[in-house]
Protein backbone atom coordinates (compact mmCIF):
# COMPACT_ATOMS: atom_id res chain seq x y z
CA UNK A 1 -73.06 76.25 104.56
CA UNK A 2 -73.72 75.54 108.21
CA UNK A 3 -76.78 77.79 108.23
CA UNK A 4 -78.08 76.16 105.03
CA UNK A 5 -77.73 72.71 106.58
CA UNK A 6 -79.62 73.81 109.68
CA UNK A 7 -82.45 75.21 107.57
CA UNK A 8 -82.59 71.97 105.57
CA UNK A 9 -82.84 70.03 108.83
CA UNK A 10 -85.80 72.14 109.91
CA UNK A 11 -83.96 73.98 112.68
CA UNK A 12 -85.62 77.35 113.28
CA UNK A 13 -83.87 78.68 116.34
CA UNK A 14 -80.20 78.78 117.29
CA UNK A 15 -77.97 80.48 119.84
CA UNK A 16 -74.83 82.35 118.89
CA UNK A 17 -72.06 82.31 121.49
CA UNK A 18 -69.52 85.12 121.53
CA UNK A 19 -66.37 84.95 123.62
CA UNK A 20 -63.84 87.82 123.79
CA UNK A 21 -60.11 87.02 123.57
CA UNK A 22 -58.18 86.38 126.79
CA UNK A 23 -56.06 89.08 128.42
CA UNK A 24 -52.48 88.45 129.51
CA UNK A 25 -51.53 91.22 131.95
CA UNK A 26 -48.03 91.80 133.30
CA UNK A 27 -47.91 93.34 136.78
CA UNK A 28 -44.68 94.94 137.96
CA UNK A 29 -45.80 96.25 141.35
CA UNK A 30 -48.55 96.01 143.95
CA UNK A 31 -51.39 96.71 144.33
CA UNK A 32 -52.38 94.97 141.11
CA UNK A 33 -55.78 96.64 141.16
CA UNK A 34 -58.11 93.65 141.37
CA UNK A 35 -59.63 91.32 143.94
CA UNK A 36 -60.76 87.74 143.42
CA UNK A 37 -63.56 85.45 144.56
CA UNK A 38 -64.68 81.89 143.78
CA UNK A 39 -68.01 81.08 142.17
CA UNK A 40 -69.92 78.69 144.43
CA UNK A 41 -71.66 76.89 141.56
CA UNK A 42 -69.01 76.67 138.84
CA UNK A 43 -65.97 76.77 141.11
CA UNK A 44 -64.23 79.40 138.96
CA UNK A 45 -61.81 81.97 140.32
CA UNK A 46 -63.05 85.30 139.01
CA UNK A 47 -62.37 89.02 139.39
CA UNK A 48 -64.75 90.56 141.92
CA UNK A 49 -63.55 94.16 141.55
CA UNK A 50 -61.01 96.04 139.43
CA UNK A 51 -59.44 99.47 139.46
CA UNK A 52 -56.23 101.29 138.58
CA UNK A 53 -53.71 99.07 136.80
CA UNK A 54 -56.09 96.15 136.26
CA UNK A 55 -58.80 98.40 134.83
CA UNK A 56 -56.25 99.97 132.49
CA UNK A 57 -55.67 96.49 131.05
CA UNK A 58 -59.40 96.17 130.38
CA UNK A 59 -59.94 93.67 133.20
CA UNK A 60 -63.46 93.90 134.58
CA UNK A 61 -65.45 92.07 137.28
CA UNK A 62 -66.46 88.61 136.08
CA UNK A 63 -63.23 87.86 134.21
CA UNK A 64 -61.84 84.42 135.03
CA UNK A 65 -58.36 84.16 136.54
CA UNK A 66 -56.90 81.15 134.74
CA UNK A 67 -53.17 81.35 135.34
CA UNK A 68 -50.81 83.22 137.67
CA UNK A 69 -47.14 83.18 136.77
CA UNK A 70 -47.53 79.93 134.83
CA UNK A 71 -49.58 78.16 137.52
CA UNK A 72 -53.13 77.10 136.72
CA UNK A 73 -55.43 78.24 139.53
CA UNK A 74 -58.83 76.82 138.57
CA UNK A 75 -58.53 73.91 141.02
CA UNK A 76 -57.03 75.90 143.90
CA UNK A 77 -58.82 77.18 146.98
CA UNK A 78 -59.60 80.89 146.93
CA UNK A 79 -57.39 81.45 149.99
CA UNK A 80 -54.46 79.92 148.13
CA UNK A 81 -55.03 82.13 145.10
CA UNK A 82 -55.19 85.26 147.25
CA UNK A 83 -51.94 84.27 148.97
CA UNK A 84 -50.33 83.72 145.57
CA UNK A 85 -51.27 87.22 144.45
CA UNK A 86 -49.79 88.65 147.65
CA UNK A 87 -46.56 86.65 147.62
CA UNK A 88 -45.71 85.87 143.98
CA UNK A 89 -42.48 87.44 142.74
CA UNK A 90 -42.86 90.46 140.48
CA UNK A 91 -43.09 91.05 137.61
CA UNK A 92 -45.74 88.38 137.04
CA UNK A 93 -48.07 87.61 134.15
CA UNK A 94 -51.71 86.83 134.95
CA UNK A 95 -53.97 85.19 132.35
CA UNK A 96 -57.64 86.26 132.37
CA UNK A 97 -60.39 84.59 130.34
CA UNK A 98 -64.09 84.92 129.59
CA UNK A 99 -66.10 82.91 132.11
CA UNK A 100 -66.63 79.39 130.80
CA UNK A 101 -70.23 78.35 131.17
CA UNK A 102 -71.33 81.98 131.28
CA UNK A 103 -70.90 83.12 127.66
CA UNK A 104 -72.58 86.08 126.07
CA UNK A 105 -75.34 84.32 124.15
CA UNK A 106 -77.64 85.81 121.54
CA UNK A 107 -80.64 83.76 120.47
CA UNK A 108 -82.05 84.22 117.00
CA UNK A 109 -84.56 82.76 114.60
CA UNK A 110 -83.56 81.12 111.32
CA UNK A 111 -86.06 81.87 108.61
CA UNK A 112 -85.91 80.75 105.00
CA UNK A 113 -87.43 83.33 102.67
CA UNK A 114 -88.02 82.39 99.03
CA UNK A 115 -85.85 84.42 96.68
CA UNK A 116 -88.85 86.05 94.99
CA UNK A 117 -90.08 87.31 98.38
CA UNK A 118 -86.78 88.68 99.56
CA UNK A 119 -86.66 92.42 100.09
CA UNK A 120 -83.88 94.60 98.81
CA UNK A 121 -81.92 95.70 101.85
CA UNK A 122 -80.00 98.94 101.76
CA UNK A 123 -76.26 98.63 102.10
CA UNK A 124 -75.11 99.21 105.67
CA UNK A 125 -73.47 102.49 106.50
CA UNK A 126 -69.73 102.48 106.23
CA UNK A 127 -68.24 102.05 109.66
CA UNK A 128 -65.22 103.87 110.94
CA UNK A 129 -62.08 101.75 110.66
CA UNK A 130 -61.31 99.90 113.85
CA UNK A 131 -57.85 99.17 115.22
CA UNK A 132 -56.64 95.59 114.71
CA UNK A 133 -57.44 93.24 117.61
CA UNK A 134 -54.74 92.93 120.24
CA UNK A 135 -52.73 89.72 120.22
CA UNK A 136 -53.65 88.05 123.55
CA UNK A 137 -50.24 86.35 123.63
CA UNK A 138 -48.36 89.66 123.77
CA UNK A 139 -47.83 90.76 127.40
CA UNK A 140 -48.95 94.27 128.24
CA UNK A 141 -47.15 96.78 130.44
CA UNK A 142 -48.94 99.46 132.44
CA UNK A 143 -47.00 102.73 132.70
CA UNK A 144 -46.81 104.31 136.16
CA UNK A 145 -49.46 106.88 137.17
CA UNK A 146 -48.64 110.41 136.08
CA UNK A 147 -49.58 113.89 137.33
CA UNK A 148 -50.59 116.31 134.58
CA UNK A 149 -51.01 120.05 135.09
CA UNK A 150 -54.24 121.34 133.54
CA UNK A 151 -55.39 124.83 132.66
CA UNK A 152 -59.07 124.87 133.64
CA UNK A 153 -59.62 128.14 131.79
CA UNK A 154 -59.54 126.05 128.59
CA UNK A 155 -61.73 123.08 127.63
CA UNK A 156 -60.05 119.75 128.26
CA UNK A 157 -61.39 118.16 125.09
CA UNK A 158 -62.07 114.79 126.71
CA UNK A 159 -65.09 112.52 126.25
CA UNK A 160 -65.47 110.30 129.31
CA UNK A 161 -66.84 106.89 130.08
CA UNK A 162 -68.91 106.90 133.32
CA UNK A 163 -66.08 104.99 135.02
CA UNK A 164 -63.63 107.94 134.73
CA UNK A 165 -61.86 106.35 131.76
CA UNK A 166 -61.10 108.49 128.71
CA UNK A 167 -63.31 107.43 125.79
CA UNK A 168 -61.84 109.81 123.22
CA UNK A 169 -59.80 113.00 122.94
CA UNK A 170 -60.70 115.83 120.58
CA UNK A 171 -57.97 116.72 118.07
CA UNK A 172 -55.89 119.81 118.87
CA UNK A 173 -57.47 120.04 122.34
CA UNK A 174 -55.64 120.68 125.59
CA UNK A 175 -55.75 116.96 126.42
CA UNK A 176 -54.35 116.05 122.99
CA UNK A 177 -51.46 118.51 123.42
CA UNK A 178 -50.69 116.99 126.83
CA UNK A 179 -50.54 113.48 125.39
CA UNK A 180 -53.66 112.13 127.13
CA UNK A 181 -55.25 109.30 125.17
CA UNK A 182 -58.18 106.85 125.12
CA UNK A 183 -58.07 104.27 127.88
CA UNK A 184 -56.44 106.59 130.40
CA UNK A 185 -58.15 106.59 133.79
CA UNK A 186 -58.42 109.50 136.23
CA UNK A 187 -57.20 108.57 139.70
CA UNK A 188 -57.59 111.98 141.34
CA UNK A 189 -57.97 115.72 140.93
CA UNK A 190 -56.25 118.34 143.10
CA UNK A 191 -55.14 115.59 145.47
CA UNK A 192 -58.63 114.12 145.95
CA UNK A 193 -59.94 110.76 144.76
CA UNK A 194 -63.03 110.67 142.55
CA UNK A 195 -65.87 108.15 142.28
CA UNK A 196 -67.41 108.89 138.89
CA UNK A 197 -67.67 111.41 136.05
CA UNK A 198 -70.43 113.37 137.79
CA UNK A 199 -68.17 113.99 140.78
CA UNK A 200 -65.31 114.96 138.45
CA UNK A 201 -67.46 117.50 136.61
CA UNK A 202 -68.73 119.02 139.86
CA UNK A 203 -65.18 119.30 141.17
CA UNK A 204 -63.99 120.97 137.97
CA UNK A 205 -66.85 123.49 138.07
CA UNK A 206 -66.17 124.28 141.74
CA UNK A 207 -62.47 124.87 141.09
CA UNK A 208 -63.22 127.16 138.14
CA UNK A 209 -65.77 129.10 140.20
CA UNK A 210 -63.11 129.62 142.89
CA UNK A 211 -60.62 130.83 140.29
CA UNK A 212 -58.31 127.86 140.89
CA UNK A 213 -57.52 127.33 137.22
CA UNK A 214 -54.16 125.59 137.47
CA UNK A 215 -54.79 122.08 138.79
CA UNK A 216 -53.06 118.73 138.83
CA UNK A 217 -54.94 115.65 137.64
CA UNK A 218 -53.57 112.17 138.34
CA UNK A 219 -53.95 109.74 135.43
CA UNK A 220 -53.29 106.04 135.01
CA UNK A 221 -52.15 105.72 131.37
CA UNK A 222 -53.49 102.83 129.31
CA UNK A 223 -51.53 99.61 129.02
CA UNK A 224 -49.13 99.25 126.09
CA UNK A 225 -47.53 96.15 124.53
CA UNK A 226 -44.32 95.08 126.23
CA UNK A 227 -41.13 95.62 124.23
CA UNK A 228 -38.00 93.56 124.51
């Protein structure tokens, strides 16, 4: 109905604004895995970098820090917010939001095509079922990092994101048998930190070439909903 009214009014171009749901993250220990800065123009406290626990929650640079332990921080000085993150009692819940004033906007044209000129459009391909969206009001808990012993003589069965986060795990693979799942992040291999997937792959190939097939990989498991 809204689109029909716009067409009737002669509007030919609109902008669609998409905003992802907020994230409520519960941190039980430090470091929390993110740093903050303040936007000079909008005055918003935002995440400037994220890793480890914060990244496991899905928190990325640009997310707005709206609330720390029940205290709104939008009007506070950045120094005060940083002190809060250092001194607030744990566990603490931190509320992150999409940046207001900086939405993801998609512009599009509205065109009215007479019914007799409309083309028959093929039905879209059936998409794979997606998991239900996470309730932003349910606090999430990040499990502690875990060391997992790998057998490098066998394929891991992991598809990676460039950021060293597990995108998917192949069924019946070594990773699946070890309980590794999507959203897990690699923190280190054989006691060494890694920067990206390319470095991980080079390290794995070097270890296999040296015959060092039994290796420990440090993972940060994905966040899970808190249970009472």
